[in-house]
C-alpha atoms as a PDB file:
ATOM      1  CA  UNK A   1      -0.345  -0.332  -0.195  1.00  0.00           C
ATOM      2  CA  UNK A   2       1.622   3.148  -1.181  1.00  0.00           C
ATOM      3  CA  UNK A   3       1.551   6.640   0.342  1.00  0.00           C
ATOM      4  CA  UNK A   4      -0.657   7.519  -2.914  1.00  0.00           C
ATOM      5  CA  UNK A   5      -3.223  10.678  -2.906  1.00  0.00           C
ATOM      6  CA  UNK A   6      -6.237   8.446  -2.681  1.00  0.00           C
ATOM      7  CA  UNK A   7      -4.414   6.940   0.989  1.00  0.00           C
ATOM      8  CA  UNK A   8      -4.068  11.282   2.008  1.00  0.00           C
ATOM      9  CA  UNK A   9      -7.920  11.290   0.999  1.00  0.00           C
ATOM     10  CA  UNK A  10      -8.871   8.486   2.661  1.00  0.00           C
ATOM     11  CA  UNK A  11      -6.752   8.845   6.635  1.00  0.00           C
ATOM     12  CA  UNK A  12      -8.458  13.081   5.800  1.00  0.00           C
ATOM     13  CA  UNK A  13     -12.080  10.901   4.953  1.00  0.00           C
ATOM     14  CA  UNK A  14     -11.171   9.624   8.480  1.00  0.00           C
ATOM     15  CA  UNK A  15      -9.867  11.717  11.103  1.00  0.00           C
ATOM     16  CA  UNK A  16     -12.837  14.322   9.520  1.00  0.00           C
ATOM     17  CA  UNK A  17     -14.860  11.432  10.543  1.00  0.00           C
ATOM     18  CA  UNK A  18     -13.598  10.166  14.096  1.00  0.00           C
ATOM     19  CA  UNK A  19     -14.031  14.647  14.619  1.00  0.00           C
ATOM     20  CA  UNK A  20     -17.653  14.634  13.164  1.00  0.00           C
ATOM     21  CA  UNK A  21     -18.022  12.215  15.554  1.00  0.00           C
ATOM     22  CA  UNK A  22     -16.403  12.887  18.228  1.00  0.00           C
ATOM     23  CA  UNK A  23     -18.956  13.023  21.297  1.00  0.00           C
ATOM     24  CA  UNK A  24     -20.259   9.601  20.722  1.00  0.00           C
ATOM     25  CA  UNK A  25     -17.131   8.265  19.835  1.00  0.00           C
ATOM     26  CA  UNK A  26     -15.410   8.949  23.226  1.00  0.00           C
ATOM     27  CA  UNK A  27     -18.907   7.905  24.807  1.00  0.00           C
ATOM     28  CA  UNK A  28     -18.067   4.304  23.446  1.00  0.00           C
ATOM     29  CA  UNK A  29     -14.526   3.922  25.040  1.00  0.00           C
ATOM     30  CA  UNK A  30     -15.386   5.619  28.514  1.00  0.00           C
ATOM     31  CA  UNK A  31     -17.892   1.945  27.907  1.00  0.00           C
ATOM     32  CA  UNK A  32     -16.099   0.102  26.828  1.00  0.00           C
ATOM     33  CA  UNK A  33     -14.123   0.868  29.717  1.00  0.00           C
ATOM     34  CA  UNK A  34     -16.144   0.471  32.687  1.00  0.00           C
ATOM     35  CA  UNK A  35     -15.569  -2.747  34.535  1.00  0.00           C
ATOM     36  CA  UNK A  36     -19.278  -3.096  34.496  1.00  0.00           C
ATOM     37  CA  UNK A  37     -19.547  -3.707  31.371  1.00  0.00           C
ATOM     38  CA  UNK A  38     -18.468  -7.187  30.923  1.00  0.00           C
ATOM     39  CA  UNK A  39     -19.598  -7.058  27.369  1.00  0.00           C
ATOM     40  CA  UNK A  40     -17.873  -4.753  25.427  1.00  0.00           C
ATOM     41  CA  UNK A  41     -14.241  -4.764  27.209  1.00  0.00           C
ATOM     42  CA  UNK A  42     -13.152  -5.552  23.691  1.00  0.00           C
ATOM     43  CA  UNK A  43     -14.789  -2.631  21.949  1.00  0.00           C
ATOM     44  CA  UNK A  44     -11.072  -0.407  22.320  1.00  0.00           C
ATOM     45  CA  UNK A  45      -9.314  -3.654  20.669  1.00  0.00           C
ATOM     46  CA  UNK A  46     -11.760  -4.106  17.558  1.00  0.00           C
ATOM     47  CA  UNK A  47      -9.960  -1.543  15.667  1.00  0.00           C
ATOM     48  CA  UNK A  48      -6.138  -2.354  16.178  1.00  0.00           C
ATOM     49  CA  UNK A  49      -7.015  -5.637  15.209  1.00  0.00           C
ATOM     50  CA  UNK A  50      -9.265  -5.114  11.592  1.00  0.00           C
ATOM     51  CA  UNK A  51      -5.917  -2.849  11.010  1.00  0.00           C
ATOM     52  CA  UNK A  52      -2.831  -6.037  11.722  1.00  0.00           C
ATOM     53  CA  UNK A  53      -5.395  -7.901   9.126  1.00  0.00           C
ATOM     54  CA  UNK A  54      -5.864  -5.263   6.865  1.00  0.00           C
ATOM     55  CA  UNK A  55      -1.170  -4.544   7.703  1.00  0.00           C
ATOM     56  CA  UNK A  56      -0.822  -8.734   7.146  1.00  0.00           C
ATOM     57  CA  UNK A  57      -2.909  -8.852   3.879  1.00  0.00           C
ATOM     58  CA  UNK A  58      -2.209  -5.044   2.451  1.00  0.00           C
ATOM     59  CA  UNK A  59      -0.503  -6.547  -0.647  1.00  0.00           C
ATOM     60  CA  UNK A  60      -3.460  -9.031  -1.571  1.00  0.00           C
ATOM     61  CA  UNK A  61      -6.336  -6.482  -0.364  1.00  0.00           C
ATOM     62  CA  UNK A  62      -4.375  -2.916  -1.978  1.00  0.00           C
ATOM     63  CA  UNK A  63      -2.483  -4.837  -5.293  1.00  0.00           C
ATOM     64  CA  UNK A  64      -6.373  -3.457  -7.782  1.00  0.00           C
ATOM     65  CA  UNK A  65      -7.781  -0.462  -6.072  1.00  0.00           C
ATOM     66  CA  UNK A  66      -9.691   2.140  -7.577  1.00  0.00           C
ATOM     67  CA  UNK A  67     -12.566   5.441  -6.209  1.00  0.00           C
ATOM     68  CA  UNK A  68     -15.666   3.408  -5.973  1.00  0.00           C
ATOM     69  CA  UNK A  69     -18.666   5.573  -5.670  1.00  0.00           C
ATOM     70  CA  UNK A  70     -22.041   4.821  -6.396  1.00  0.00           C
ATOM     71  CA  UNK A  71     -20.882   1.464  -5.131  1.00  0.00           C
ATOM     72  CA  UNK A  72     -20.307   3.629  -1.629  1.00  0.00           C
ATOM     73  CA  UNK A  73     -23.485   5.644  -1.915  1.00  0.00           C
ATOM     74  CA  UNK A  74     -25.735   3.248  -0.762  1.00  0.00           C
ATOM     75  CA  UNK A  75     -23.416   1.355   2.688  1.00  0.00           C
ATOM     76  CA  UNK A  76     -22.502   6.174   3.297  1.00  0.00           C
ATOM     77  CA  UNK A  77     -26.857   6.941   2.919  1.00  0.00           C
ATOM     78  CA  UNK A  78     -26.695   4.095   5.548  1.00  0.00           C
ATOM     79  CA  UNK A  79     -24.714   5.223   8.529  1.00  0.00           C
ATOM     80  CA  UNK A  80     -26.236   8.537   7.994  1.00  0.00           C
ATOM     81  CA  UNK A  81     -29.969   6.719   8.897  1.00  0.00           C
ATOM     82  CA  UNK A  82     -28.179   5.205  11.672  1.00  0.00           C
ATOM     83  CA  UNK A  83     -26.706   8.314  13.073  1.00  0.00           C
ATOM     84  CA  UNK A  84     -29.853  10.220  12.697  1.00  0.00           C
ATOM     85  CA  UNK A  85     -31.362   7.378  14.331  1.00  0.00           C
ATOM     86  CA  UNK A  86     -29.297   7.201  17.162  1.00  0.00           C
ATOM     87  CA  UNK A  87     -30.017  11.707  17.755  1.00  0.00           C
ATOM     88  CA  UNK A  88     -34.006  10.333  17.829  1.00  0.00           C
ATOM     89  CA  UNK A  89     -34.832   6.866  17.923  1.00  0.00           C
ATOM     90  CA  UNK A  90     -31.882   6.194  20.154  1.00  0.00           C
ATOM     91  CA  UNK A  91     -32.594   9.106  23.072  1.00  0.00           C
ATOM     92  CA  UNK A  92     -35.872   7.134  24.481  1.00  0.00           C
ATOM     93  CA  UNK A  93     -33.639   3.741  25.425  1.00  0.00           C
ATOM     94  CA  UNK A  94     -32.997   3.323  28.713  1.00  0.00           C
ATOM     95  CA  UNK A  95     -29.894   1.292  27.966  1.00  0.00           C
ATOM     96  CA  UNK A  96     -27.495   3.503  27.487  1.00  0.00           C
ATOM     97  CA  UNK A  97     -25.408   0.809  25.863  1.00  0.00           C
ATOM     98  CA  UNK A  98     -28.766   0.626  23.111  1.00  0.00           C
ATOM     99  CA  UNK A  99     -27.962   4.407  22.008  1.00  0.00           C
ATOM    100  CA  UNK A 100     -24.400   3.646  21.481  1.00  0.00           C
ATOM    101  CA  UNK A 101     -25.260   1.063  19.199  1.00  0.00           C
ATOM    102  CA  UNK A 102     -26.617   3.213  16.877  1.00  0.00           C
ATOM    103  CA  UNK A 103     -24.044   5.427  17.058  1.00  0.00           C
ATOM    104  CA  UNK A 104     -20.982   2.358  16.663  1.00  0.00           C
ATOM    105  CA  UNK A 105     -22.743   1.608  14.158  1.00  0.00           C
ATOM    106  CA  UNK A 106     -23.341   4.935  12.081  1.00  0.00           C
ATOM    107  CA  UNK A 107     -19.464   5.172  12.869  1.00  0.00           C
ATOM    108  CA  UNK A 108     -18.239   1.709  11.220  1.00  0.00           C
ATOM    109  CA  UNK A 109     -20.828   1.937   7.860  1.00  0.00           C
ATOM    110  CA  UNK A 110     -19.060   5.213   7.403  1.00  0.00           C
ATOM    111  CA  UNK A 111     -16.379   4.317   7.484  1.00  0.00           C
ATOM    112  CA  UNK A 112     -16.655   1.139   5.101  1.00  0.00           C
ATOM    113  CA  UNK A 113     -18.252   3.003   3.121  1.00  0.00           C
ATOM    114  CA  UNK A 114     -15.573   5.426   2.518  1.00  0.00           C
ATOM    115  CA  UNK A 115     -12.803   2.739   2.388  1.00  0.00           C
ATOM    116  CA  UNK A 116     -15.072   0.900  -0.653  1.00  0.00           C
ATOM    117  CA  UNK A 117     -15.679   4.814  -2.146  1.00  0.00           C
ATOM    118  CA  UNK A 118     -11.695   4.847  -1.818  1.00  0.00           C
ATOM    119  CA  UNK A 119     -10.077   2.352  -2.876  1.00  0.00           C
ATOM    120  CA  UNK A 120     -12.635   0.145  -5.394  1.00  0.00           C
ATOM    121  CA  UNK A 121     -14.840  -3.207  -4.926  1.00  0.00           C
ATOM    122  CA  UNK A 122     -12.115  -5.899  -5.393  1.00  0.00           C
ATOM    123  CA  UNK A 123      -9.604  -4.320  -1.844  1.00  0.00           C
ATOM    124  CA  UNK A 124     -12.985  -4.156  -0.736  1.00  0.00           C
ATOM    125  CA  UNK A 125     -14.041  -8.177  -0.869  1.00  0.00           C
ATOM    126  CA  UNK A 126      -9.811  -8.108  -0.463  1.00  0.00           C
ATOM    127  CA  UNK A 127     -10.760  -6.621   3.105  1.00  0.00           C
ATOM    128  CA  UNK A 128     -14.140  -8.178   4.137  1.00  0.00           C
ATOM    129  CA  UNK A 129     -13.445 -10.494   7.289  1.00  0.00           C
ATOM    130  CA  UNK A 130     -11.847  -7.115   8.577  1.00  0.00           C
ATOM    131  CA  UNK A 131     -14.410  -4.421   8.319  1.00  0.00           C
ATOM    132  CA  UNK A 132     -17.355  -7.377   9.037  1.00  0.00           C
ATOM    133  CA  UNK A 133     -15.132  -7.677  12.112  1.00  0.00           C
ATOM    134  CA  UNK A 134     -15.647  -3.951  13.299  1.00  0.00           C
ATOM    135  CA  UNK A 135     -18.705  -5.112  13.785  1.00  0.00           C
ATOM    136  CA  UNK A 136     -17.388  -6.213  17.475  1.00  0.00           C
ATOM    137  CA  UNK A 137     -16.930  -2.138  17.807  1.00  0.00           C
ATOM    138  CA  UNK A 138     -20.749  -1.929  18.364  1.00  0.00           C
ATOM    139  CA  UNK A 139     -22.065  -2.359  21.636  1.00  0.00           C
ATOM    140  CA  UNK A 140     -24.754  -6.003  22.094  1.00  0.00           C
ATOM    141  CA  UNK A 141     -28.240  -4.729  22.006  1.00  0.00           C
ATOM    142  CA  UNK A 142     -29.473  -5.353  25.640  1.00  0.00           C
ATOM    143  CA  UNK A 143     -32.655  -7.651  23.701  1.00  0.00           C
ATOM    144  CA  UNK A 144     -30.077  -9.607  22.717  1.00  0.00           C
ATOM    145  CA  UNK A 145     -27.464  -8.886  25.367  1.00  0.00           C
ATOM    146  CA  UNK A 146     -29.795 -10.375  27.974  1.00  0.00           C
ATOM    147  CA  UNK A 147     -30.779 -13.132  25.736  1.00  0.00           C
ATOM    148  CA  UNK A 148     -27.497 -14.450  25.014  1.00  0.00           C
ATOM    149  CA  UNK A 149     -26.596 -14.071  28.997  1.00  0.00           C
ATOM    150  CA  UNK A 150     -30.139 -15.850  30.033  1.00  0.00           C
ATOM    151  CA  UNK A 151     -29.131 -18.970  27.869  1.00  0.00           C
ATOM    152  CA  UNK A 152     -25.402 -19.093  28.325  1.00  0.00           C
ATOM    153  CA  UNK A 153     -26.743 -18.932  32.572  1.00  0.00           C
ATOM    154  CA  UNK A 154     -28.494 -21.020  32.350  1.00  0.00           C
ATOM    155  CA  UNK A 155     -26.872 -24.212  30.369  1.00  0.00           C
ATOM    156  CA  UNK A 156     -23.536 -22.970  32.517  1.00  0.00           C
ATOM    157  CA  UNK A 157     -25.495 -24.170  36.191  1.00  0.00           C
ATOM    158  CA  UNK A 158     -27.035 -27.212  34.090  1.00  0.00           C
ATOM    159  CA  UNK A 159     -23.582 -28.323  33.616  1.00  0.00           C
ATOM    160  CA  UNK A 160     -21.911 -27.032  36.618  1.00  0.00           C
ATOM    161  CA  UNK A 161     -24.739 -29.302  38.412  1.00  0.00           C
ATOM    162  CA  UNK A 162     -23.305 -32.174  36.918  1.00  0.00           C
ATOM    163  CA  UNK A 163     -20.204 -31.680  37.759  1.00  0.00           C
ATOM    164  CA  UNK A 164     -20.669 -30.869  41.204  1.00  0.00           C
ATOM    165  CA  UNK A 165     -22.936 -34.983  41.511  1.00  0.00           C
ATOM    166  CA  UNK A 166     -20.235 -36.478  39.632  1.00  0.00           C
ATOM    167  CA  UNK A 167     -17.133 -34.534  42.447  1.00  0.00           C
ATOM    168  CA  UNK A 168     -18.886 -36.703  44.916  1.00  0.00           C
ATOM    169  CA  UNK A 169     -20.442 -33.534  46.771  1.00  0.00           C
ATOM    170  CA  UNK A 170     -24.188 -34.166  47.627  1.00  0.00           C
ATOM    171  CA  UNK A 171     -26.042 -31.030  45.314  1.00  0.00           C
ATOM    172  CA  UNK A 172     -29.815 -29.947  45.040  1.00  0.00           C
ATOM    173  CA  UNK A 173     -31.023 -27.272  42.603  1.00  0.00           C
ATOM    174  CA  UNK A 174     -33.976 -25.415  43.198  1.00  0.00           C
ATOM    175  CA  UNK A 175     -34.181 -23.136  39.599  1.00  0.00           C
ATOM    176  CA  UNK A 176     -30.536 -22.005  39.832  1.00  0.00           C
ATOM    177  CA  UNK A 177     -30.353 -22.673  43.048  1.00  0.00           C
ATOM    178  CA  UNK A 178     -28.162 -24.956  44.425  1.00  0.00           C
ATOM    179  CA  UNK A 179     -28.185 -26.279  48.341  1.00  0.00           C
ATOM    180  CA  UNK A 180     -25.002 -27.776  48.484  1.00  0.00           C
ATOM    181  CA  UNK A 181     -23.020 -29.234  52.330  1.00  0.00           C
ATOM    182  CA  UNK A 182     -23.112 -26.194  54.595  1.00  0.00           C
ATOM    183  CA  UNK A 183     -23.758 -23.581  51.645  1.00  0.00           C
ATOM    184  CA  UNK A 184     -26.246 -21.930  49.521  1.00  0.00           C
ATOM    185  CA  UNK A 185     -25.223 -20.841  45.943  1.00  0.00           C
ATOM    186  CA  UNK A 186     -27.094 -18.675  43.225  1.00  0.00           C
ATOM    187  CA  UNK A 187     -25.684 -19.134  39.895  1.00  0.00           C
ATOM    188  CA  UNK A 188     -26.248 -15.522  38.862  1.00  0.00           C
ATOM    189  CA  UNK A 189     -26.437 -13.542  35.214  1.00  0.00           C
ATOM    190  CA  UNK A 190     -22.718 -12.661  37.088  1.00  0.00           C
ATOM    191  CA  UNK A 191     -22.026 -16.486  35.993  1.00  0.00           C
ATOM    192  CA  UNK A 192     -23.461 -16.707  32.826  1.00  0.00           C
ATOM    193  CA  UNK A 193     -19.400 -16.176  31.677  1.00  0.00           C
ATOM    194  CA  UNK A 194     -20.495 -13.442  28.969  1.00  0.00           C
ATOM    195  CA  UNK A 195     -16.997 -11.810  29.088  1.00  0.00           C
ATOM    196  CA  UNK A 196     -15.145 -14.541  28.053  1.00  0.00           C
ATOM    197  CA  UNK A 197     -17.827 -15.780  24.801  1.00  0.00           C
ATOM    198  CA  UNK A 198     -17.122 -13.187  23.405  1.00  0.00           C
ATOM    199  CA  UNK A 199     -13.295 -13.576  24.437  1.00  0.00           C
ATOM    200  CA  UNK A 200     -13.340 -17.107  22.989  1.00  0.00           C
ATOM    201  CA  UNK A 201     -16.063 -15.988  20.442  1.00  0.00           C
ATOM    202  CA  UNK A 202     -13.285 -13.713  18.604  1.00  0.00           C
ATOM    203  CA  UNK A 203     -10.732 -16.154  18.746  1.00  0.00           C
ATOM    204  CA  UNK A 204     -12.309 -18.693  17.577  1.00  0.00           C
ATOM    205  CA  UNK A 205     -13.501 -16.664  14.172  1.00  0.00           C
ATOM    206  CA  UNK A 206     -10.003 -14.918  14.002  1.00  0.00           C
ATOM    207  CA  UNK A 207      -7.900 -18.404  14.214  1.00  0.00           C
ATOM    208  CA  UNK A 208     -10.250 -20.290  11.001  1.00  0.00           C
ATOM    209  CA  UNK A 209      -9.823 -16.520   9.583  1.00  0.00           C
ATOM    210  CA  UNK A 210      -5.852 -16.950   9.554  1.00  0.00           C
ATOM    211  CA  UNK A 211      -5.485 -20.729   9.831  1.00  0.00           C
ATOM    212  CA  UNK A 212      -8.315 -22.387   7.554  1.00  0.00           C
ATOM    213  CA  UNK A 213      -9.798 -22.137   4.550  1.00  0.00           C
ATOM    214  CA  UNK A 214     -12.736 -23.682   3.975  1.00  0.00           C
ATOM    215  CA  UNK A 215     -16.487 -22.252   4.623  1.00  0.00           C
ATOM    216  CA  UNK A 216     -18.114 -24.956   6.402  1.00  0.00           C
ATOM    217  CA  UNK A 217     -14.628 -25.600   9.292  1.00  0.00           C
ATOM    218  CA  UNK A 218     -14.657 -21.978  10.035  1.00  0.00           C
ATOM    219  CA  UNK A 219     -18.234 -22.153  10.751  1.00  0.00           C
ATOM    220  CA  UNK A 220     -17.220 -25.859  12.667  1.00  0.00           C
ATOM    221  CA  UNK A 221     -14.487 -24.101  14.474  1.00  0.00           C
ATOM    222  CA  UNK A 222     -17.231 -21.349  16.085  1.00  0.00           C
ATOM    223  CA  UNK A 223     -19.817 -23.955  16.740  1.00  0.00           C
ATOM    224  CA  UNK A 224     -17.524 -26.326  19.181  1.00  0.00           C
ATOM    225  CA  UNK A 225     -16.651 -23.099  20.680  1.00  0.00           C
ATOM    226  CA  UNK A 226     -20.115 -22.459  22.101  1.00  0.00           C
ATOM    227  CA  UNK A 227     -20.167 -25.729  24.196  1.00  0.00           C
ATOM    228  CA  UNK A 228     -16.267 -25.246  25.883  1.00  0.00           C
ATOM    229  CA  UNK A 229     -17.621 -22.153  26.629  1.00  0.00           C
ATOM    230  CA  UNK A 230     -20.423 -23.714  28.876  1.00  0.00           C
ATOM    231  CA  UNK A 231     -17.759 -26.450  29.695  1.00  0.00           C
ATOM    232  CA  UNK A 232     -15.319 -23.923  30.835  1.00  0.00           C
ATOM    233  CA  UNK A 233     -18.054 -22.335  32.534  1.00  0.00           C
ATOM    234  CA  UNK A 234     -19.899 -24.205  34.631  1.00  0.00           C
ATOM    235  CA  UNK A 235     -15.598 -26.228  35.145  1.00  0.00           C
ATOM    236  CA  UNK A 236     -15.257 -22.876  36.714  1.00  0.00           C
ATOM    237  CA  UNK A 237     -17.904 -22.742  39.183  1.00  0.00           C
ATOM    238  CA  UNK A 238     -18.265 -26.559  39.503  1.00  0.00           C
ATOM    239  CA  UNK A 239     -14.486 -25.334  40.793  1.00  0.00           C
ATOM    240  CA  UNK A 240     -15.441 -22.545  43.445  1.00  0.00           C
ATOM    241  CA  UNK A 241     -18.119 -24.596  44.751  1.00  0.00           C
ATOM    242  CA  UNK A 242     -15.934 -27.305  45.475  1.00  0.00           C
ATOM    243  CA  UNK A 243     -14.023 -25.975  46.924  1.00  0.00           C
ATOM    244  CA  UNK A 244     -16.081 -23.565  49.049  1.00  0.00           C
ATOM    245  CA  UNK A 245     -17.425 -27.161  50.005  1.00  0.00           C
ATOM    246  CA  UNK A 246     -14.317 -28.980  50.873  1.00  0.00           C
ATOM    247  CA  UNK A 247     -11.611 -26.111  51.575  1.00  0.00           C
ATOM    248  CA  UNK A 248     -12.942 -22.722  53.043  1.00  0.00           C
ATOM    249  CA  UNK A 249     -16.434 -20.975  52.128  1.00  0.00           C
ATOM    250  CA  UNK A 250     -14.570 -17.948  51.629  1.00  0.00           C
ATOM    251  CA  UNK A 251     -13.600 -18.723  48.797  1.00  0.00           C
ATOM    252  CA  UNK A 252     -16.694 -17.468  46.742  1.00  0.00           C
ATOM    253  CA  UNK A 253     -15.345 -13.975  48.251  1.00  0.00           C
ATOM    254  CA  UNK A 254     -12.079 -14.333  47.283  1.00  0.00           C
ATOM    255  CA  UNK A 255     -10.160 -12.361  43.963  1.00  0.00           C
ATOM    256  CA  UNK A 256     -10.097 -16.332  42.688  1.00  0.00           C
ATOM    257  CA  UNK A 257     -13.662 -15.794  42.328  1.00  0.00           C
ATOM    258  CA  UNK A 258     -13.345 -12.024  41.120  1.00  0.00           C
ATOM    259  CA  UNK A 259     -10.339 -12.752  38.661  1.00  0.00           C
ATOM    260  CA  UNK A 260     -10.046 -16.385  38.282  1.00  0.00           C
ATOM    261  CA  UNK A 261     -11.811 -15.978  35.093  1.00  0.00           C
ATOM    262  CA  UNK A 262      -8.954 -15.820  32.989  1.00  0.00           C
ATOM    263  CA  UNK A 263      -7.270 -19.115  33.914  1.00  0.00           C
ATOM    264  CA  UNK A 264     -10.540 -20.543  32.697  1.00  0.00           C
ATOM    265  CA  UNK A 265     -10.120 -18.402  29.812  1.00  0.00           C
ATOM    266  CA  UNK A 266      -7.192 -19.943  28.856  1.00  0.00           C
ATOM    267  CA  UNK A 267      -8.729 -23.611  29.079  1.00  0.00           C
ATOM    268  CA  UNK A 268     -10.874 -23.230  26.897  1.00  0.00           C
ATOM    269  CA  UNK A 269      -8.691 -22.005  24.217  1.00  0.00           C
ATOM    270  CA  UNK A 270      -6.228 -25.094  25.439  1.00  0.00           C
ATOM    271  CA  UNK A 271      -9.212 -27.045  24.488  1.00  0.00           C
ATOM    272  CA  UNK A 272      -9.913 -25.776  20.941  1.00  0.00           C
ATOM    273  CA  UNK A 273      -6.629 -26.079  20.301  1.00  0.00           C
ATOM    274  CA  UNK A 274      -6.583 -29.953  19.371  1.00  0.00           C
ATOM    275  CA  UNK A 275      -9.953 -28.773  16.896  1.00  0.00           C
ATOM    276  CA  UNK A 276      -8.581 -26.336  15.159  1.00  0.00           C
ATOM    277  CA  UNK A 277      -5.050 -28.618  14.367  1.00  0.00           C
ATOM    278  CA  UNK A 278      -7.889 -31.452  13.401  1.00  0.00           C
ATOM    279  CA  UNK A 279      -8.789 -29.166  11.429  1.00  0.00           C
ATOM    280  CA  UNK A 280      -5.679 -27.907  10.046  1.00  0.00           C
ATOM    281  CA  UNK A 281      -4.956 -31.089   8.604  1.00  0.00           C
ATOM    282  CA  UNK A 282      -8.014 -32.193   7.051  1.00  0.00           C
ATOM    283  CA  UNK A 283      -7.389 -29.633   5.232  1.00  0.00           C
ATOM    284  CA  UNK A 284      -3.679 -29.948   4.370  1.00  0.00           C
ATOM    285  CA  UNK A 285      -4.614 -33.752   2.928  1.00  0.00           C
ATOM    286  CA  UNK A 286      -7.402 -32.207   1.393  1.00  0.00           C
ATOM    287  CA  UNK A 287      -5.301 -30.320  -0.895  1.00  0.00           C
ATOM    288  CA  UNK A 288      -2.615 -32.194  -0.668  1.00  0.00           C
ATOM    289  CA  UNK A 289      -3.203 -33.811  -4.480  1.00  0.00           C
ATOM    290  CA  UNK A 290      -4.278 -30.842  -5.655  1.00  0.00           C
ATOM    291  CA  UNK A 291      -0.632 -29.857  -5.010  1.00  0.00           C
ATOM    292  CA  UNK A 292       1.090 -29.937  -9.066  1.00  0.00           C
ATOM    293  CA  UNK A 293       4.335 -30.828  -7.424  1.00  0.00           C
ATOM    294  CA  UNK A 294       2.434 -33.600  -5.611  1.00  0.00           C
ATOM    295  CA  UNK A 295       2.222 -36.052  -8.120  1.00  0.00           C
ATOM    296  CA  UNK A 296       6.098 -35.737  -8.916  1.00  0.00           C
ATOM    297  CA  UNK A 297       6.827 -36.335  -5.900  1.00  0.00           C
ATOM    298  CA  UNK A 298       4.025 -39.278  -6.091  1.00  0.00           C
ATOM    299  CA  UNK A 299       6.243 -41.355  -8.463  1.00  0.00           C
ATOM    300  CA  UNK A 300      10.022 -40.356  -8.418  1.00  0.00           C
ATOM    301  CA  UNK A 301       9.290 -42.268  -4.345  1.00  0.00           C
ATOM    302  CA  UNK A 302       8.095 -45.388  -6.548  1.00  0.00           C
ATOM    303  CA  UNK A 303      10.976 -45.005  -9.346  1.00  0.00           C
ATOM    304  CA  UNK A 304      13.516 -47.827  -8.802  1.00  0.00           C
ATOM    305  CA  UNK A 305      17.577 -45.694  -8.224  1.00  0.00           C
END
């Protein structure tokens, strides 16, 4: 990607867009950095990941560039409509994240439209994944977030109940309430693991994009990430419950409970690695016969010396 006048125009467009959206952008960053919004902490990292992906694939993306004003017109209009909706309809929402969802959507769509306008459809298609990846900059609307958390909460409770039973610890369940010896715990919405769930989803999407070629294998990796997420979350609940019963109740108020999600997140990635490795291996075996040198190498091996 050469530092041409086209790039200067796009940089000026991006700076102007950020300046025009300075207020909503500042509010979005503040929202993402608020520790209570565990579902939004990834927002500040996504633009850097997107930029890195574009940079790594820059030769392919920018091998053929041209202005594309007409194709960019529709997303540009959509971005303006989202901005107006955020300033009007969005003000009626009680949740801050719902209004910011409109404004962040507007910012993302307008920037993507600018990319399309300055670099053309060929570059746009080549950069489609990192551009679509910017959707993770948008706060999850409350009606989607609440249903997602409730689902993760339910399945985490189901699996953690099984794990506690398998540990030999007596347990009675009433919905999300577990009664253990001298202890009652609740699998609350905060135990849903929504933050690590988003992180594992992002990690599986990135791994699929970087290491897999076929769409169905990429999709399979993401699908398998869901039960892995639920299992590692249930394992955390079950482990803390077991330690609270058999070691010390104070564990439920310790740093291990409050900040212990990172080791279990790492465990989730470790569990996903063999799946990724198998998918990579199956893909390489499928491509091997198509290698133009493969038959030549195979023929040489059977020729007498």
